[in-house]
Amino acid sequence: MASLTLDGAATIAQDSTFQRRVALAFYFVARKVVTETGTTGKEQRVAFARSIVLQGLDMFTQYAALVVTDPTIVAAGPTAQAGITDAQIIAAVTGMWNSLSNV
């Protein structure tokens, strides 16, 4: 399958279904982070997890744009959010968690 173009990525990031999937992926990862043990930067990771739970769904519009730039998501292309699996979205969120947590 062809990779995403910037236009295709923008289309997916603005898709309300994709935004809801990203929101739930962030909640899923936040739940895991709160219960993890022995992780470097745990305090920052948990603080970010708590902030995720308190954010309204509107914030996930921005996160959807960030998630769609993940190399795995880009490779899933070309324009349909339905072609991107939940596992790919969760992996993208997990992969960027430390950066977003300032770890």
C-alpha atoms as a PDB file:
ATOM      1  CA  MET A   1       0.000   0.000   0.000  1.00  0.00           C
ATOM      2  CA  ALA A   2       1.254   3.504  -0.779  1.00  0.00           C
ATOM      3  CA  SER A   3       2.295   5.756   2.052  1.00  0.00           C
ATOM      4  CA  LEU A   4       0.311   8.798   3.124  1.00  0.00           C
ATOM      5  CA  THR A   5       0.734  12.141   1.455  1.00  0.00           C
ATOM      6  CA  LEU A   6       0.500  15.265   3.608  1.00  0.00           C
ATOM      7  CA  ASP A   7      -2.949  15.882   2.166  1.00  0.00           C
ATOM      8  CA  GLY A   8      -3.992  12.333   2.999  1.00  0.00           C
ATOM      9  CA  ALA A   9      -2.572  12.683   6.511  1.00  0.00           C
ATOM     10  CA  ALA A  10      -4.489  15.926   7.018  1.00  0.00           C
ATOM     11  CA  THR A  11      -7.689  14.247   5.846  1.00  0.00           C
ATOM     12  CA  ILE A  12      -7.224  11.378   8.285  1.00  0.00           C
ATOM     13  CA  ALA A  13      -6.274  13.690  11.183  1.00  0.00           C
ATOM     14  CA  GLN A  14      -9.509  15.640  10.647  1.00  0.00           C
ATOM     15  CA  ASP A  15     -11.668  12.515  10.494  1.00  0.00           C
ATOM     16  CA  SER A  16     -13.890  12.423  13.593  1.00  0.00           C
ATOM     17  CA  THR A  17     -13.774   8.624  13.789  1.00  0.00           C
ATOM     18  CA  PHE A  18      -9.961   8.672  13.727  1.00  0.00           C
ATOM     19  CA  GLN A  19      -9.928  11.403  16.396  1.00  0.00           C
ATOM     20  CA  ARG A  20     -12.140   9.285  18.673  1.00  0.00           C
ATOM     21  CA  ARG A  21      -9.902   6.257  18.099  1.00  0.00           C
ATOM     22  CA  VAL A  22      -6.840   8.343  18.990  1.00  0.00           C
ATOM     23  CA  ALA A  23      -8.585   9.613  22.136  1.00  0.00           C
ATOM     24  CA  LEU A  24      -9.344   6.081  23.279  1.00  0.00           C
ATOM     25  CA  ALA A  25      -5.788   4.988  22.469  1.00  0.00           C
ATOM     26  CA  PHE A  26      -4.503   7.773  24.732  1.00  0.00           C
ATOM     27  CA  TYR A  27      -6.884   6.649  27.499  1.00  0.00           C
ATOM     28  CA  PHE A  28      -5.789   3.036  26.985  1.00  0.00           C
ATOM     29  CA  VAL A  29      -2.094   3.923  27.262  1.00  0.00           C
ATOM     30  CA  ALA A  30      -2.734   6.305  30.196  1.00  0.00           C
ATOM     31  CA  ARG A  31      -4.367   3.468  32.127  1.00  0.00           C
ATOM     32  CA  LYS A  32      -1.361   1.225  31.497  1.00  0.00           C
ATOM     33  CA  VAL A  33       1.111   3.959  32.477  1.00  0.00           C
ATOM     34  CA  VAL A  34      -0.576   4.600  35.824  1.00  0.00           C
ATOM     35  CA  THR A  35      -0.214   0.932  36.789  1.00  0.00           C
ATOM     36  CA  GLU A  36       3.330   0.322  35.506  1.00  0.00           C
ATOM     37  CA  THR A  37       6.235  -0.168  37.890  1.00  0.00           C
ATOM     38  CA  GLY A  38       9.933   0.563  37.635  1.00  0.00           C
ATOM     39  CA  THR A  39       9.705   2.761  34.548  1.00  0.00           C
ATOM     40  CA  THR A  40      12.200   5.561  33.958  1.00  0.00           C
ATOM     41  CA  GLY A  41      10.415   8.895  34.221  1.00  0.00           C
ATOM     42  CA  LYS A  42       7.393   7.324  35.904  1.00  0.00           C
ATOM     43  CA  GLU A  43       6.459  10.527  37.735  1.00  0.00           C
ATOM     44  CA  GLN A  44       6.304  12.552  34.509  1.00  0.00           C
ATOM     45  CA  ARG A  45       4.613   9.704  32.629  1.00  0.00           C
ATOM     46  CA  VAL A  46       1.895   9.396  35.291  1.00  0.00           C
ATOM     47  CA  ALA A  47       1.418  13.177  35.447  1.00  0.00           C
ATOM     48  CA  PHE A  48       0.835  13.199  31.697  1.00  0.00           C
ATOM     49  CA  ALA A  49      -1.528  10.216  32.006  1.00  0.00           C
ATOM     50  CA  ARG A  50      -3.585  12.078  34.591  1.00  0.00           C
ATOM     51  CA  SER A  51      -3.690  15.169  32.390  1.00  0.00           C
ATOM     52  CA  ILE A  52      -4.986  13.036  29.514  1.00  0.00           C
ATOM     53  CA  VAL A  53      -7.892  11.805  31.612  1.00  0.00           C
ATOM     54  CA  LEU A  54      -8.824  15.391  32.510  1.00  0.00           C
ATOM     55  CA  GLN A  55      -8.705  16.727  28.943  1.00  0.00           C
ATOM     56  CA  GLY A  56     -11.818  17.078  26.871  1.00  0.00           C
ATOM     57  CA  LEU A  57     -12.131  15.295  23.558  1.00  0.00           C
ATOM     58  CA  ASP A  58     -11.379  18.524  21.676  1.00  0.00           C
ATOM     59  CA  MET A  59      -7.708  18.200  22.650  1.00  0.00           C
ATOM     60  CA  PHE A  60      -7.463  14.947  20.745  1.00  0.00           C
ATOM     61  CA  THR A  61      -7.878  16.801  17.450  1.00  0.00           C
ATOM     62  CA  GLN A  62      -4.296  17.990  17.969  1.00  0.00           C
ATOM     63  CA  TYR A  63      -3.113  14.562  19.068  1.00  0.00           C
ATOM     64  CA  ALA A  64      -4.696  12.975  15.980  1.00  0.00           C
ATOM     65  CA  ALA A  65      -2.519  15.204  13.803  1.00  0.00           C
ATOM     66  CA  LEU A  66       0.533  14.092  15.771  1.00  0.00           C
ATOM     67  CA  VAL A  67      -0.357  10.386  15.665  1.00  0.00           C
ATOM     68  CA  VAL A  68      -0.908  10.436  11.910  1.00  0.00           C
ATOM     69  CA  THR A  69       2.764  11.454  11.461  1.00  0.00           C
ATOM     70  CA  ASP A  70       4.000   8.220  13.086  1.00  0.00           C
ATOM     71  CA  PRO A  71       6.024   6.223  10.511  1.00  0.00           C
ATOM     72  CA  THR A  72       3.823   3.130  10.928  1.00  0.00           C
ATOM     73  CA  ILE A  73       0.676   5.175  10.371  1.00  0.00           C
ATOM     74  CA  VAL A  74       2.250   6.928   7.374  1.00  0.00           C
ATOM     75  CA  ALA A  75       3.136   3.541   5.892  1.00  0.00           C
ATOM     76  CA  ALA A  76      -0.467   2.361   6.353  1.00  0.00           C
ATOM     77  CA  GLY A  77      -1.671   5.111   3.917  1.00  0.00           C
ATOM     78  CA  PRO A  78      -3.010   6.301   1.634  1.00  0.00           C
ATOM     79  CA  THR A  79      -6.138   8.172   2.818  1.00  0.00           C
ATOM     80  CA  ALA A  80      -8.623   5.955   4.678  1.00  0.00           C
ATOM     81  CA  GLN A  81      -8.512   5.941   8.466  1.00  0.00           C
ATOM     82  CA  ALA A  82     -10.231   2.555   8.408  1.00  0.00           C
ATOM     83  CA  GLY A  83      -7.022   1.043   7.018  1.00  0.00           C
ATOM     84  CA  ILE A  84      -5.161   1.976  10.194  1.00  0.00           C
ATOM     85  CA  THR A  85      -5.498  -0.654  12.910  1.00  0.00           C
ATOM     86  CA  ASP A  86      -6.160   0.019  16.573  1.00  0.00           C
ATOM     87  CA  ALA A  87      -2.860  -1.684  17.370  1.00  0.00           C
ATOM     88  CA  GLN A  88      -1.021   0.746  15.084  1.00  0.00           C
ATOM     89  CA  ILE A  89      -2.640   3.739  16.772  1.00  0.00           C
ATOM     90  CA  ILE A  90      -1.880   2.394  20.263  1.00  0.00           C
ATOM     91  CA  ALA A  91       1.724   1.684  19.233  1.00  0.00           C
ATOM     92  CA  ALA A  92       2.065   5.229  17.900  1.00  0.00           C
ATOM     93  CA  VAL A  93       0.714   6.708  21.143  1.00  0.00           C
ATOM     94  CA  THR A  94       2.934   4.436  23.244  1.00  0.00           C
ATOM     95  CA  GLY A  95       5.943   5.411  21.145  1.00  0.00           C
ATOM     96  CA  MET A  96       5.457   9.131  21.684  1.00  0.00           C
ATOM     97  CA  TRP A  97       4.414   8.966  25.351  1.00  0.00           C
ATOM     98  CA  ASN A  98       7.840   9.803  26.815  1.00  0.00           C
ATOM     99  CA  SER A  99       8.279  12.804  24.537  1.00  0.00           C
ATOM    100  CA  LEU A 100       4.840  14.126  25.420  1.00  0.00           C
ATOM    101  CA  SER A 101       5.603  13.476  29.105  1.00  0.00           C
ATOM    102  CA  ASN A 102       8.902  15.401  28.912  1.00  0.00           C
ATOM    103  CA  VAL A 103      10.892  12.311  29.893  1.00  0.00           C
END
